[in-house]
Amino acid sequence: MDRAATAGLVERTPDPDDARVVRVGLTEKGERLVTSLTAAHLAELYELAASLNDLVPGRAEQFRG
């Protein structure tokens, strides 16, 4: 968490009701990174599904969204 905060990806906010709790949320930079990684991850999953379809024809379609 420290490295993500240092990189500007998350921000810590003290909980107003409980001093023991620190809330963590994504910054705009963190949101952009998660969005781009999600798209890249989905592209990899679709490629994997196509490869699996070569091994077991007709099964990859059940994993497409």
Protein backbone atom coordinates (compact mmCIF):
# COMPACT_ATOMS: atom_id res chain seq x y z
CA MET A 1 0.00 0.00 0.00
CA ASP A 2 2.87 2.37 0.76
CA ARG A 3 4.29 2.01 -2.76
CA ALA A 4 0.87 2.53 -4.35
CA ALA A 5 0.39 5.68 -2.27
CA THR A 6 3.88 6.93 -3.13
CA ALA A 7 3.13 6.31 -6.82
CA GLY A 8 -0.05 8.38 -6.50
CA LEU A 9 -2.38 5.46 -7.22
CA VAL A 10 -4.23 5.43 -3.88
CA GLU A 11 -4.96 7.87 -1.10
CA ARG A 12 -5.52 7.19 2.55
CA THR A 13 -8.29 8.91 4.48
CA PRO A 14 -8.83 8.60 8.23
CA ASP A 15 -12.24 7.30 9.22
CA PRO A 16 -14.12 10.10 10.99
CA ASP A 17 -15.93 7.64 13.27
CA ASP A 18 -13.13 5.24 14.19
CA ALA A 19 -9.55 6.45 14.70
CA ARG A 20 -8.27 2.89 14.23
CA VAL A 21 -9.52 2.77 10.63
CA VAL A 22 -7.88 4.26 7.58
CA ARG A 23 -9.86 4.16 4.33
CA VAL A 24 -8.00 3.61 1.06
CA GLY A 25 -9.33 4.73 -2.30
CA LEU A 26 -8.07 4.99 -5.83
CA THR A 27 -6.91 8.35 -7.13
CA GLU A 28 -7.74 9.45 -10.68
CA LYS A 29 -4.34 8.11 -11.73
CA GLY A 30 -5.16 4.79 -10.02
CA GLU A 31 -8.56 4.64 -11.74
CA ARG A 32 -6.92 5.17 -15.15
CA LEU A 33 -4.40 2.43 -14.46
CA VAL A 34 -7.06 -0.05 -13.31
CA THR A 35 -9.16 0.73 -16.38
CA SER A 36 -6.26 0.17 -18.76
CA LEU A 37 -5.17 -3.01 -16.96
CA THR A 38 -8.72 -4.34 -17.03
CA ALA A 39 -8.93 -3.86 -20.80
CA ALA A 40 -5.55 -5.55 -21.29
CA HIS A 41 -6.57 -8.40 -18.98
CA LEU A 42 -9.82 -8.98 -20.87
CA ALA A 43 -7.93 -9.02 -24.18
CA GLU A 44 -5.63 -11.72 -22.78
CA LEU A 45 -8.62 -13.73 -21.55
CA TYR A 46 -10.24 -13.60 -25.00
CA GLU A 47 -6.98 -14.76 -26.57
CA LEU A 48 -6.80 -17.60 -24.06
CA ALA A 49 -10.40 -18.55 -24.79
CA ALA A 50 -9.59 -18.70 -28.52
CA SER A 51 -6.60 -20.95 -27.77
CA LEU A 52 -8.75 -23.19 -25.61
CA ASN A 53 -11.30 -23.37 -28.40
CA ASP A 54 -8.58 -24.83 -30.62
CA LEU A 55 -8.11 -27.59 -28.04
CA VAL A 56 -11.80 -28.14 -27.27
CA PRO A 57 -13.91 -26.75 -30.15
CA GLY A 58 -17.13 -24.99 -29.21
CA ARG A 59 -16.30 -24.38 -25.54
CA ALA A 60 -14.68 -20.91 -25.75
CA GLU A 61 -17.98 -19.25 -26.67
CA GLN A 62 -19.43 -19.95 -23.24
CA PHE A 63 -16.79 -17.64 -21.73
CA ARG A 64 -17.39 -14.66 -24.01
CA GLY A 65 -19.36 -11.76 -22.55
